[in-house]
Amino acid sequence: MMTRKGSCVAIWLGQATDELEVDEYLGNDFGSDFHCCPEENNVPEFTVLPEPLKVHELLKPFSSSMHFMDAASNLAQQKGIIAATTAVIYYHTFFTSGTSPAHTAKLIFLGNFEW
């Protein structure tokens, strides 16, 4: 479930290398994979790179990243995620799910972070 929360970001990471593929995924299968329905007017900010970067470096170009990239990269490291090619950020969003994502999900939910 995705709920609006003013100063919160929800972050997903992945290993995709095709920006169009990620854009189509977000518009089609993302909601069913993560059992949520993103609001139509809450479009995520995302990046897709050809080569993996450390999570801290991957998040650095995002809007207001200085407020959440340290916490996000620390949590990624705790989860064993050192580098990724893809980051998807929903601003003003808190994500919770009572179920596991579909095994075909192209992204991994990292967590919710205040900013």
PDB file of N, CA and C in Angstrom:
ATOM      1  N   MET A   1       0.839  -1.172   0.000  1.00  0.00           N
ATOM      2  CA  MET A   1       0.000   0.000   0.000  1.00  0.00           C
ATOM      3  C   MET A   1       0.890   1.244   0.000  1.00  0.00           C
ATOM      4  N   MET A   2       0.554   2.186  -0.833  1.00  0.00           N
ATOM      5  CA  MET A   2       1.273   3.460  -0.897  1.00  0.00           C
ATOM      6  C   MET A   2       0.358   4.533  -0.336  1.00  0.00           C
ATOM      7  N   THR A   3       0.853   5.241   0.673  1.00  0.00           N
ATOM      8  CA  THR A   3       0.082   6.332   1.243  1.00  0.00           C
ATOM      9  C   THR A   3       0.892   7.618   1.144  1.00  0.00           C
ATOM     10  N   ARG A   4       0.197   8.719   1.025  1.00  0.00           N
ATOM     11  CA  ARG A   4       0.859  10.019   0.945  1.00  0.00           C
ATOM     12  C   ARG A   4       1.401  10.371   2.321  1.00  0.00           C
ATOM     13  N   LYS A   5       2.664  10.780   2.359  1.00  0.00           N
ATOM     14  CA  LYS A   5       3.276  11.240   3.602  1.00  0.00           C
ATOM     15  C   LYS A   5       4.260  12.339   3.225  1.00  0.00           C
ATOM     16  N   GLY A   6       3.991  13.534   3.680  1.00  0.00           N
ATOM     17  CA  GLY A   6       4.699  14.738   3.279  1.00  0.00           C
ATOM     18  C   GLY A   6       6.193  14.647   3.113  1.00  0.00           C
ATOM     19  N   SER A   7       6.923  14.304   4.137  1.00  0.00           N
ATOM     20  CA  SER A   7       8.388  14.365   4.060  1.00  0.00           C
ATOM     21  C   SER A   7       9.016  12.975   4.040  1.00  0.00           C
ATOM     22  N   CYS A   8       8.441  12.098   3.249  1.00  0.00           N
ATOM     23  CA  CYS A   8       8.934  10.723   3.182  1.00  0.00           C
ATOM     24  C   CYS A   8       9.163  10.340   1.724  1.00  0.00           C
ATOM     25  N   VAL A   9      10.202   9.545   1.495  1.00  0.00           N
ATOM     26  CA  VAL A   9      10.427   8.972   0.172  1.00  0.00           C
ATOM     27  C   VAL A   9      10.447   7.455   0.307  1.00  0.00           C
ATOM     28  N   ALA A  10       9.928   6.775  -0.689  1.00  0.00           N
ATOM     29  CA  ALA A  10       9.983   5.318  -0.779  1.00  0.00           C
ATOM     30  C   ALA A  10      10.928   4.993  -1.931  1.00  0.00           C
ATOM     31  N   ILE A  11      11.924   4.128  -1.656  1.00  0.00           N
ATOM     32  CA  ILE A  11      12.973   3.867  -2.640  1.00  0.00           C
ATOM     33  C   ILE A  11      13.024   2.394  -3.023  1.00  0.00           C
ATOM     34  N   TRP A  12      13.106   2.152  -4.339  1.00  0.00           N
ATOM     35  CA  TRP A  12      13.316   0.825  -4.902  1.00  0.00           C
ATOM     36  C   TRP A  12      14.624   0.841  -5.683  1.00  0.00           C
ATOM     37  N   LEU A  13      15.323  -0.291  -5.684  1.00  0.00           N
ATOM     38  CA  LEU A  13      16.569  -0.435  -6.439  1.00  0.00           C
ATOM     39  C   LEU A  13      16.466  -1.633  -7.364  1.00  0.00           C
ATOM     40  N   GLY A  14      17.289  -1.632  -8.402  1.00  0.00           N
ATOM     41  CA  GLY A  14      17.284  -2.756  -9.327  1.00  0.00           C
ATOM     42  C   GLY A  14      18.518  -2.769 -10.198  1.00  0.00           C
ATOM     43  N   GLN A  15      18.520  -3.694 -11.151  1.00  0.00           N
ATOM     44  CA  GLN A  15      19.673  -3.890 -12.032  1.00  0.00           C
ATOM     45  C   GLN A  15      19.313  -3.717 -13.507  1.00  0.00           C
ATOM     46  N   ALA A  16      18.218  -3.040 -13.802  1.00  0.00           N
ATOM     47  CA  ALA A  16      17.823  -2.825 -15.196  1.00  0.00           C
ATOM     48  C   ALA A  16      18.815  -1.888 -15.884  1.00  0.00           C
ATOM     49  N   THR A  17      18.928  -2.008 -17.189  1.00  0.00           N
ATOM     50  CA  THR A  17      19.814  -1.127 -17.953  1.00  0.00           C
ATOM     51  C   THR A  17      19.084  -0.436 -19.110  1.00  0.00           C
ATOM     52  N   ASP A  18      17.783  -0.612 -19.189  1.00  0.00           N
ATOM     53  CA  ASP A  18      16.995  -0.022 -20.270  1.00  0.00           C
ATOM     54  C   ASP A  18      15.936   0.903 -19.665  1.00  0.00           C
ATOM     55  N   GLU A  19      16.087   2.203 -19.896  1.00  0.00           N
ATOM     56  CA  GLU A  19      15.183   3.194 -19.310  1.00  0.00           C
ATOM     57  C   GLU A  19      13.737   3.008 -19.772  1.00  0.00           C
ATOM     58  N   LEU A  20      13.538   2.697 -21.039  1.00  0.00           N
ATOM     59  CA  LEU A  20      12.178   2.482 -21.540  1.00  0.00           C
ATOM     60  C   LEU A  20      11.519   1.277 -20.882  1.00  0.00           C
ATOM     61  N   GLU A  21      12.306   0.231 -20.655  1.00  0.00           N
ATOM     62  CA  GLU A  21      11.785  -0.957 -19.984  1.00  0.00           C
ATOM     63  C   GLU A  21      11.322  -0.622 -18.566  1.00  0.00           C
ATOM     64  N   VAL A  22      12.104   0.170 -17.861  1.00  0.00           N
ATOM     65  CA  VAL A  22      11.726   0.562 -16.495  1.00  0.00           C
ATOM     66  C   VAL A  22      10.488   1.449 -16.521  1.00  0.00           C
ATOM     67  N   ASP A  23      10.428   2.379 -17.449  1.00  0.00           N
ATOM     68  CA  ASP A  23       9.271   3.253 -17.565  1.00  0.00           C
ATOM     69  C   ASP A  23       7.999   2.442 -17.827  1.00  0.00           C
ATOM     70  N   GLU A  24       8.083   1.478 -18.738  1.00  0.00           N
ATOM     71  CA  GLU A  24       6.930   0.610 -19.027  1.00  0.00           C
ATOM     72  C   GLU A  24       6.573  -0.238 -17.815  1.00  0.00           C
ATOM     73  N   TYR A  25       7.583  -0.758 -17.124  1.00  0.00           N
ATOM     74  CA  TYR A  25       7.351  -1.566 -15.925  1.00  0.00           C
ATOM     75  C   TYR A  25       6.605  -0.756 -14.868  1.00  0.00           C
ATOM     76  N   LEU A  26       7.047   0.480 -14.640  1.00  0.00           N
ATOM     77  CA  LEU A  26       6.393   1.317 -13.641  1.00  0.00           C
ATOM     78  C   LEU A  26       4.948   1.593 -14.014  1.00  0.00           C
ATOM     79  N   GLY A  27       4.665   1.723 -15.297  1.00  0.00           N
ATOM     80  CA  GLY A  27       3.308   1.992 -15.740  1.00  0.00           C
ATOM     81  C   GLY A  27       2.414   0.780 -15.817  1.00  0.00           C
ATOM     82  N   ASN A  28       3.005  -0.412 -15.797  1.00  0.00           N
ATOM     83  CA  ASN A  28       2.196  -1.618 -15.986  1.00  0.00           C
ATOM     84  C   ASN A  28       2.284  -2.597 -14.804  1.00  0.00           C
ATOM     85  N   ASP A  29       3.395  -3.289 -14.655  1.00  0.00           N
ATOM     86  CA  ASP A  29       3.488  -4.405 -13.709  1.00  0.00           C
ATOM     87  C   ASP A  29       3.919  -4.035 -12.292  1.00  0.00           C
ATOM     88  N   PHE A  30       4.487  -2.857 -12.104  1.00  0.00           N
ATOM     89  CA  PHE A  30       4.979  -2.465 -10.782  1.00  0.00           C
ATOM     90  C   PHE A  30       3.888  -2.580  -9.718  1.00  0.00           C
ATOM     91  N   GLY A  31       2.720  -2.013  -9.988  1.00  0.00           N
ATOM     92  CA  GLY A  31       1.623  -2.034  -9.019  1.00  0.00           C
ATOM     93  C   GLY A  31       1.199  -3.431  -8.615  1.00  0.00           C
ATOM     94  N   SER A  32       1.081  -4.330  -9.590  1.00  0.00           N
ATOM     95  CA  SER A  32       0.673  -5.694  -9.254  1.00  0.00           C
ATOM     96  C   SER A  32       1.807  -6.469  -8.598  1.00  0.00           C
ATOM     97  N   ASP A  33       3.059  -6.216  -8.991  1.00  0.00           N
ATOM     98  CA  ASP A  33       4.193  -6.903  -8.362  1.00  0.00           C
ATOM     99  C   ASP A  33       4.326  -6.546  -6.885  1.00  0.00           C
ATOM    100  N   PHE A  34       4.044  -5.286  -6.544  1.00  0.00           N
ATOM    101  CA  PHE A  34       4.207  -4.845  -5.159  1.00  0.00           C
ATOM    102  C   PHE A  34       2.873  -4.662  -4.438  1.00  0.00           C
ATOM    103  N   HIS A  35       1.787  -5.122  -5.046  1.00  0.00           N
ATOM    104  CA  HIS A  35       0.465  -5.107  -4.420  1.00  0.00           C
ATOM    105  C   HIS A  35       0.096  -3.704  -3.939  1.00  0.00           C
ATOM    106  N   CYS A  36       0.286  -2.738  -4.833  1.00  0.00           N
ATOM    107  CA  CYS A  36      -0.044  -1.361  -4.492  1.00  0.00           C
ATOM    108  C   CYS A  36      -0.582  -0.659  -5.724  1.00  0.00           C
ATOM    109  N   CYS A  37      -1.141   0.492  -5.501  1.00  0.00           N
ATOM    110  CA  CYS A  37      -1.681   1.279  -6.611  1.00  0.00           C
ATOM    111  C   CYS A  37      -1.153   2.700  -6.481  1.00  0.00           C
ATOM    112  N   PRO A  38      -0.039   2.990  -7.171  1.00  0.00           N
ATOM    113  CA  PRO A  38       0.482   4.360  -7.093  1.00  0.00           C
ATOM    114  C   PRO A  38      -0.547   5.362  -7.605  1.00  0.00           C
ATOM    115  N   GLU A  39      -0.625   6.514  -6.933  1.00  0.00           N
ATOM    116  CA  GLU A  39      -1.544   7.555  -7.377  1.00  0.00           C
ATOM    117  C   GLU A  39      -1.136   8.043  -8.756  1.00  0.00           C
ATOM    118  N   GLU A  40      -2.103   8.299  -9.572  1.00  0.00           N
ATOM    119  CA  GLU A  40      -1.844   8.710 -10.952  1.00  0.00           C
ATOM    120  C   GLU A  40      -1.020   9.995 -11.031  1.00  0.00           C
ATOM    121  N   ASN A  41      -1.224  10.912 -10.092  1.00  0.00           N
ATOM    122  CA  ASN A  41      -0.500  12.183 -10.125  1.00  0.00           C
ATOM    123  C   ASN A  41       0.807  12.142  -9.329  1.00  0.00           C
ATOM    124  N   ASN A  42       1.184  11.000  -8.791  1.00  0.00           N
ATOM    125  CA  ASN A  42       2.444  10.863  -8.060  1.00  0.00           C
ATOM    126  C   ASN A  42       3.409  10.036  -8.908  1.00  0.00           C
ATOM    127  N   VAL A  43       4.081  10.711  -9.807  1.00  0.00           N
ATOM    128  CA  VAL A  43       4.996  10.065 -10.739  1.00  0.00           C
ATOM    129  C   VAL A  43       6.372   9.961 -10.076  1.00  0.00           C
ATOM    130  N   PRO A  44       6.997   8.796 -10.126  1.00  0.00           N
ATOM    131  CA  PRO A  44       8.301   8.656  -9.477  1.00  0.00           C
ATOM    132  C   PRO A  44       9.420   9.317 -10.270  1.00  0.00           C
ATOM    133  N   GLU A  45      10.475   9.620  -9.561  1.00  0.00           N
ATOM    134  CA  GLU A  45      11.717  10.048 -10.193  1.00  0.00           C
ATOM    135  C   GLU A  45      12.561   8.779 -10.273  1.00  0.00           C
ATOM    136  N   PHE A  46      13.201   8.530 -11.427  1.00  0.00           N
ATOM    137  CA  PHE A  46      14.030   7.327 -11.517  1.00  0.00           C
ATOM    138  C   PHE A  46      15.225   7.554 -12.411  1.00  0.00           C
ATOM    139  N   THR A  47      16.218   6.685 -12.226  1.00  0.00           N
ATOM    140  CA  THR A  47      17.405   6.706 -13.078  1.00  0.00           C
ATOM    141  C   THR A  47      17.758   5.277 -13.443  1.00  0.00           C
ATOM    142  N   VAL A  48      18.300   5.124 -14.635  1.00  0.00           N
ATOM    143  CA  VAL A  48      18.769   3.829 -15.117  1.00  0.00           C
ATOM    144  C   VAL A  48      20.131   4.072 -15.754  1.00  0.00           C
ATOM    145  N   LEU A  49      21.142   3.378 -15.271  1.00  0.00           N
ATOM    146  CA  LEU A  49      22.500   3.551 -15.765  1.00  0.00           C
ATOM    147  C   LEU A  49      22.991   2.280 -16.451  1.00  0.00           C
ATOM    148  N   PRO A  50      23.958   2.391 -17.346  1.00  0.00           N
ATOM    149  CA  PRO A  50      24.475   1.204 -18.033  1.00  0.00           C
ATOM    150  C   PRO A  50      25.365   0.329 -17.143  1.00  0.00           C
ATOM    151  N   GLU A  51      25.975   0.928 -16.125  1.00  0.00           N
ATOM    152  CA  GLU A  51      26.868   0.192 -15.221  1.00  0.00           C
ATOM    153  C   GLU A  51      26.457   0.462 -13.774  1.00  0.00           C
ATOM    154  N   PRO A  52      26.624  -0.526 -12.887  1.00  0.00           N
ATOM    155  CA  PRO A  52      26.255  -0.324 -11.482  1.00  0.00           C
ATOM    156  C   PRO A  52      27.116   0.741 -10.806  1.00  0.00           C
ATOM    157  N   LEU A  53      26.474   1.466  -9.904  1.00  0.00           N
ATOM    158  CA  LEU A  53      27.161   2.422  -9.038  1.00  0.00           C
ATOM    159  C   LEU A  53      26.856   2.058  -7.591  1.00  0.00           C
ATOM    160  N   LYS A  54      27.742   2.433  -6.682  1.00  0.00           N
ATOM    161  CA  LYS A  54      27.430   2.276  -5.266  1.00  0.00           C
ATOM    162  C   LYS A  54      26.149   3.050  -4.997  1.00  0.00           C
ATOM    163  N   VAL A  55      25.338   2.534  -4.091  1.00  0.00           N
ATOM    164  CA  VAL A  55      24.018   3.110  -3.843  1.00  0.00           C
ATOM    165  C   VAL A  55      24.117   4.596  -3.500  1.00  0.00           C
ATOM    166  N   HIS A  56      25.068   4.979  -2.685  1.00  0.00           N
ATOM    167  CA  HIS A  56      25.232   6.383  -2.311  1.00  0.00           C
ATOM    168  C   HIS A  56      25.410   7.257  -3.559  1.00  0.00           C
ATOM    169  N   GLU A  57      26.254   6.816  -4.486  1.00  0.00           N
ATOM    170  CA  GLU A  57      26.503   7.567  -5.718  1.00  0.00           C
ATOM    171  C   GLU A  57      25.295   7.541  -6.658  1.00  0.00           C
ATOM    172  N   LEU A  58      24.582   6.438  -6.680  1.00  0.00           N
ATOM    173  CA  LEU A  58      23.390   6.311  -7.526  1.00  0.00           C
ATOM    174  C   LEU A  58      22.303   7.294  -7.092  1.00  0.00           C
ATOM    175  N   LEU A  59      22.177   7.506  -5.783  1.00  0.00           N
ATOM    176  CA  LEU A  59      21.129   8.373  -5.257  1.00  0.00           C
ATOM    177  C   LEU A  59      21.499   9.853  -5.267  1.00  0.00           C
ATOM    178  N   LYS A  60      22.770  10.158  -5.354  1.00  0.00           N
ATOM    179  CA  LYS A  60      23.241  11.543  -5.233  1.00  0.00           C
ATOM    180  C   LYS A  60      22.547  12.533  -6.176  1.00  0.00           C
ATOM    181  N   PRO A  61      22.295  12.206  -7.447  1.00  0.00           N
ATOM    182  CA  PRO A  61      21.671  13.190  -8.349  1.00  0.00           C
ATOM    183  C   PRO A  61      20.179  13.458  -8.093  1.00  0.00           C
ATOM    184  N   PHE A  62      19.515  12.682  -7.255  1.00  0.00           N
ATOM    185  CA  PHE A  62      18.083  12.850  -7.032  1.00  0.00           C
ATOM    186  C   PHE A  62      17.784  14.122  -6.236  1.00  0.00           C
ATOM    187  N   SER A  63      16.614  14.681  -6.452  1.00  0.00           N
ATOM    188  CA  SER A  63      16.161  15.860  -5.725  1.00  0.00           C
ATOM    189  C   SER A  63      16.180  15.603  -4.222  1.00  0.00           C
ATOM    190  N   SER A  64      16.758  16.522  -3.487  1.00  0.00           N
ATOM    191  CA  SER A  64      16.820  16.466  -2.019  1.00  0.00           C
ATOM    192  C   SER A  64      17.540  15.235  -1.482  1.00  0.00           C
ATOM    193  N   SER A  65      18.381  14.603  -2.292  1.00  0.00           N
ATOM    194  CA  SER A  65      19.040  13.361  -1.873  1.00  0.00           C
ATOM    195  C   SER A  65      19.933  13.539  -0.656  1.00  0.00           C
ATOM    196  N   MET A  66      20.432  14.745  -0.428  1.00  0.00           N
ATOM    197  CA  MET A  66      21.308  14.955   0.715  1.00  0.00           C
ATOM    198  C   MET A  66      20.601  14.649   2.025  1.00  0.00           C
ATOM    199  N   HIS A  67      19.281  14.614   1.997  1.00  0.00           N
ATOM    200  CA  HIS A  67      18.511  14.341   3.206  1.00  0.00           C
ATOM    201  C   HIS A  67      18.277  12.852   3.458  1.00  0.00           C
ATOM    202  N   PHE A  68      18.434  12.004   2.437  1.00  0.00           N
ATOM    203  CA  PHE A  68      18.130  10.590   2.633  1.00  0.00           C
ATOM    204  C   PHE A  68      19.188   9.627   2.099  1.00  0.00           C
ATOM    205  N   MET A  69      20.154  10.082   1.309  1.00  0.00           N
ATOM    206  CA  MET A  69      21.070   9.129   0.662  1.00  0.00           C
ATOM    207  C   MET A  69      21.975   8.407   1.648  1.00  0.00           C
ATOM    208  N   ASP A  70      22.383   9.045   2.744  1.00  0.00           N
ATOM    209  CA  ASP A  70      23.216   8.340   3.724  1.00  0.00           C
ATOM    210  C   ASP A  70      22.445   7.207   4.386  1.00  0.00           C
ATOM    211  N   ALA A  71      21.241   7.506   4.854  1.00  0.00           N
ATOM    212  CA  ALA A  71      20.416   6.480   5.501  1.00  0.00           C
ATOM    213  C   ALA A  71      20.072   5.361   4.519  1.00  0.00           C
ATOM    214  N   ALA A  72      19.753   5.733   3.286  1.00  0.00           N
ATOM    215  CA  ALA A  72      19.392   4.729   2.278  1.00  0.00           C
ATOM    216  C   ALA A  72      20.585   3.850   1.924  1.00  0.00           C
ATOM    217  N   SER A  73      21.750   4.442   1.733  1.00  0.00           N
ATOM    218  CA  SER A  73      22.917   3.623   1.383  1.00  0.00           C
ATOM    219  C   SER A  73      23.350   2.749   2.554  1.00  0.00           C
ATOM    220  N   ASN A  74      23.187   3.231   3.790  1.00  0.00           N
ATOM    221  CA  ASN A  74      23.495   2.393   4.956  1.00  0.00           C
ATOM    222  C   ASN A  74      22.554   1.194   5.033  1.00  0.00           C
ATOM    223  N   LEU A  75      21.263   1.421   4.799  1.00  0.00           N
ATOM    224  CA  LEU A  75      20.308   0.312   4.829  1.00  0.00           C
ATOM    225  C   LEU A  75      20.576  -0.658   3.681  1.00  0.00           C
ATOM    226  N   ALA A  76      20.907  -0.135   2.517  1.00  0.00           N
ATOM    227  CA  ALA A  76      21.228  -1.007   1.382  1.00  0.00           C
ATOM    228  C   ALA A  76      22.407  -1.906   1.733  1.00  0.00           C
ATOM    229  N   GLN A  77      23.427  -1.339   2.347  1.00  0.00           N
ATOM    230  CA  GLN A  77      24.598  -2.129   2.738  1.00  0.00           C
ATOM    231  C   GLN A  77      24.207  -3.207   3.747  1.00  0.00           C
ATOM    232  N   GLN A  78      23.354  -2.862   4.710  1.00  0.00           N
ATOM    233  CA  GLN A  78      22.873  -3.848   5.686  1.00  0.00           C
ATOM    234  C   GLN A  78      22.122  -4.985   5.008  1.00  0.00           C
ATOM    235  N   LYS A  79      21.432  -4.675   3.924  1.00  0.00           N
ATOM    236  CA  LYS A  79      20.672  -5.686   3.176  1.00  0.00           C
ATOM    237  C   LYS A  79      21.536  -6.407   2.144  1.00  0.00           C
ATOM    238  N   GLY A  80      22.824  -6.054   2.073  1.00  0.00           N
ATOM    239  CA  GLY A  80      23.731  -6.709   1.137  1.00  0.00           C
ATOM    240  C   GLY A  80      23.695  -6.143  -0.266  1.00  0.00           C
ATOM    241  N   ILE A  81      23.103  -4.969  -0.426  1.00  0.00           N
ATOM    242  CA  ILE A  81      23.038  -4.321  -1.736  1.00  0.00           C
ATOM    243  C   ILE A  81      24.144  -3.278  -1.778  1.00  0.00           C
ATOM    244  N   ILE A  82      25.164  -3.551  -2.538  1.00  0.00           N
ATOM    245  CA  ILE A  82      26.308  -2.648  -2.610  1.00  0.00           C
ATOM    246  C   ILE A  82      26.173  -1.675  -3.780  1.00  0.00           C
ATOM    247  N   ALA A  83      25.694  -2.156  -4.906  1.00  0.00           N
ATOM    248  CA  ALA A  83      25.598  -1.333  -6.105  1.00  0.00           C
ATOM    249  C   ALA A  83      24.332  -1.693  -6.878  1.00  0.00           C
ATOM    250  N   ALA A  84      23.883  -0.754  -7.696  1.00  0.00           N
ATOM    251  CA  ALA A  84      22.697  -0.968  -8.525  1.00  0.00           C
ATOM    252  C   ALA A  84      22.791  -0.072  -9.757  1.00  0.00           C
ATOM    253  N   THR A  85      22.010  -0.398 -10.758  1.00  0.00           N
ATOM    254  CA  THR A  85      21.947   0.439 -11.961  1.00  0.00           C
ATOM    255  C   THR A  85      20.675   1.277 -11.987  1.00  0.00           C
ATOM    256  N   THR A  86      19.700   0.890 -11.169  1.00  0.00           N
ATOM    257  CA  THR A  86      18.387   1.513 -11.222  1.00  0.00           C
ATOM    258  C   THR A  86      17.939   1.947  -9.829  1.00  0.00           C
ATOM    259  N   ALA A  87      17.404   3.157  -9.749  1.00  0.00           N
ATOM    260  CA  ALA A  87      16.780   3.645  -8.520  1.00  0.00           C
ATOM    261  C   ALA A  87      15.467   4.311  -8.894  1.00  0.00           C
ATOM    262  N   VAL A  88      14.428   3.990  -8.138  1.00  0.00           N
ATOM    263  CA  VAL A  88      13.106   4.582  -8.328  1.00  0.00           C
ATOM    264  C   VAL A  88      12.703   5.193  -6.992  1.00  0.00           C
ATOM    265  N   ILE A  89      12.325   6.461  -7.021  1.00  0.00           N
ATOM    266  CA  ILE A  89      11.953   7.152  -5.796  1.00  0.00           C
ATOM    267  C   ILE A  89      10.573   7.782  -5.963  1.00  0.00           C
ATOM    268  N   TYR A  90       9.685   7.410  -5.048  1.00  0.00           N
ATOM    269  CA  TYR A  90       8.386   8.067  -4.947  1.00  0.00           C
ATOM    270  C   TYR A  90       8.487   9.048  -3.793  1.00  0.00           C
ATOM    271  N   TYR A  91       8.375  10.333  -4.099  1.00  0.00           N
ATOM    272  CA  TYR A  91       8.400  11.381  -3.077  1.00  0.00           C
ATOM    273  C   TYR A  91       7.027  11.516  -2.430  1.00  0.00           C
ATOM    274  N   HIS A  92       7.015  11.963  -1.187  1.00  0.00           N
ATOM    275  CA  HIS A  92       5.772  12.165  -0.438  1.00  0.00           C
ATOM    276  C   HIS A  92       4.984  10.865  -0.333  1.00  0.00           C
ATOM    277  N   THR A  93       5.716   9.760  -0.205  1.00  0.00           N
ATOM    278  CA  THR A  93       5.085   8.442  -0.212  1.00  0.00           C
ATOM    279  C   THR A  93       5.682   7.554   0.871  1.00  0.00           C
ATOM    280  N   PHE A  94       4.807   6.815   1.537  1.00  0.00           N
ATOM    281  CA  PHE A  94       5.214   5.792   2.497  1.00  0.00           C
ATOM    282  C   PHE A  94       4.645   4.474   1.984  1.00  0.00           C
ATOM    283  N   PHE A  95       5.512   3.478   1.782  1.00  0.00           N
ATOM    284  CA  PHE A  95       5.082   2.200   1.225  1.00  0.00           C
ATOM    285  C   PHE A  95       5.071   1.135   2.313  1.00  0.00           C
ATOM    286  N   THR A  96       3.987   0.387   2.391  1.00  0.00           N
ATOM    287  CA  THR A  96       3.897  -0.780   3.263  1.00  0.00           C
ATOM    288  C   THR A  96       3.224  -1.888   2.473  1.00  0.00           C
ATOM    289  N   SER A  97       3.647  -3.089   2.745  1.00  0.00           N
ATOM    290  CA  SER A  97       3.036  -4.225   2.075  1.00  0.00           C
ATOM    291  C   SER A  97       2.945  -5.381   3.047  1.00  0.00           C
ATOM    292  N   GLY A  98       1.786  -5.965   3.121  1.00  0.00           N
ATOM    293  CA  GLY A  98       1.600  -7.117   3.979  1.00  0.00           C
ATOM    294  C   GLY A  98       1.975  -8.413   3.276  1.00  0.00           C
ATOM    295  N   THR A  99       2.335  -8.311   1.993  1.00  0.00           N
ATOM    296  CA  THR A  99       2.674  -9.500   1.224  1.00  0.00           C
ATOM    297  C   THR A  99       4.014  -9.302   0.521  1.00  0.00           C
ATOM    298  N   SER A 100       4.633 -10.393   0.173  1.00  0.00           N
ATOM    299  CA  SER A 100       5.903 -10.326  -0.552  1.00  0.00           C
ATOM    300  C   SER A 100       5.653  -9.916  -1.998  1.00  0.00           C
ATOM    301  N   PRO A 101       6.622  -9.218  -2.594  1.00  0.00           N
ATOM    302  CA  PRO A 101       6.442  -8.862  -4.003  1.00  0.00           C
ATOM    303  C   PRO A 101       6.451 -10.105  -4.881  1.00  0.00           C
ATOM    304  N   ALA A 102       5.885  -9.974  -6.049  1.00  0.00           N
ATOM    305  CA  ALA A 102       5.898 -11.081  -7.007  1.00  0.00           C
ATOM    306  C   ALA A 102       7.337 -11.494  -7.289  1.00  0.00           C
ATOM    307  N   HIS A 103       7.559 -12.771  -7.497  1.00  0.00           N
ATOM    308  CA  HIS A 103       8.926 -13.257  -7.742  1.00  0.00           C
ATOM    309  C   HIS A 103       9.496 -12.722  -9.046  1.00  0.00           C
ATOM    310  N   THR A 104       8.638 -12.167  -9.894  1.00  0.00           N
ATOM    311  CA  THR A 104       9.098 -11.594 -11.160  1.00  0.00           C
ATOM    312  C   THR A 104       9.398 -10.100 -11.058  1.00  0.00           C
ATOM    313  N   ALA A 105       9.268  -9.513  -9.872  1.00  0.00           N
ATOM    314  CA  ALA A 105       9.482  -8.074  -9.699  1.00  0.00           C
ATOM    315  C   ALA A 105      10.879  -7.683 -10.165  1.00  0.00           C
ATOM    316  N   LYS A 106      10.957  -6.595 -10.904  1.00  0.00           N
ATOM    317  CA  LYS A 106      12.234  -6.136 -11.456  1.00  0.00           C
ATOM    318  C   LYS A 106      12.972  -5.205 -10.497  1.00  0.00           C
ATOM    319  N   LEU A 107      12.323  -4.849  -9.393  1.00  0.00           N
ATOM    320  CA  LEU A 107      12.918  -3.957  -8.411  1.00  0.00           C
ATOM    321  C   LEU A 107      12.839  -4.573  -7.026  1.00  0.00           C
ATOM    322  N   ILE A 108      13.654  -4.071  -6.132  1.00  0.00           N
ATOM    323  CA  ILE A 108      13.644  -4.481  -4.728  1.00  0.00           C
ATOM    324  C   ILE A 108      13.304  -3.244  -3.910  1.00  0.00           C
ATOM    325  N   PHE A 109      12.324  -3.370  -3.019  1.00  0.00           N
ATOM    326  CA  PHE A 109      12.002  -2.244  -2.160  1.00  0.00           C
ATOM    327  C   PHE A 109      13.105  -2.102  -1.120  1.00  0.00           C
ATOM    328  N   LEU A 110      13.725  -0.926  -1.075  1.00  0.00           N
ATOM    329  CA  LEU A 110      14.781  -0.675  -0.103  1.00  0.00           C
ATOM    330  C   LEU A 110      14.190  -0.205   1.219  1.00  0.00           C
ATOM    331  N   GLY A 111      13.351   0.823   1.176  1.00  0.00           N
ATOM    332  CA  GLY A 111      12.772   1.321   2.415  1.00  0.00           C
ATOM    333  C   GLY A 111      12.179   2.702   2.251  1.00  0.00           C
ATOM    334  N   ASN A 112      11.625   3.190   3.360  1.00  0.00           N
ATOM    335  CA  ASN A 112      11.057   4.533   3.446  1.00  0.00           C
ATOM    336  C   ASN A 112      12.029   5.394   4.235  1.00  0.00           C
ATOM    337  N   PHE A 113      12.219   6.632   3.796  1.00  0.00           N
ATOM    338  CA  PHE A 113      13.179   7.520   4.441  1.00  0.00           C
ATOM    339  C   PHE A 113      12.600   8.917   4.565  1.00  0.00           C
ATOM    340  N   GLU A 114      12.854   9.550   5.703  1.00  0.00           N
ATOM    341  CA  GLU A 114      12.441  10.934   5.907  1.00  0.00           C
ATOM    342  C   GLU A 114      13.389  11.854   5.151  1.00  0.00           C
ATOM    343  N   TRP A 115      12.874  12.985   4.718  1.00  0.00           N
ATOM    344  CA  TRP A 115      13.724  13.991   4.070  1.00  0.00           C
ATOM    345  C   TRP A 115      13.267  15.387   4.416  1.00  0.00           C
TER     346      TRP A 115
END
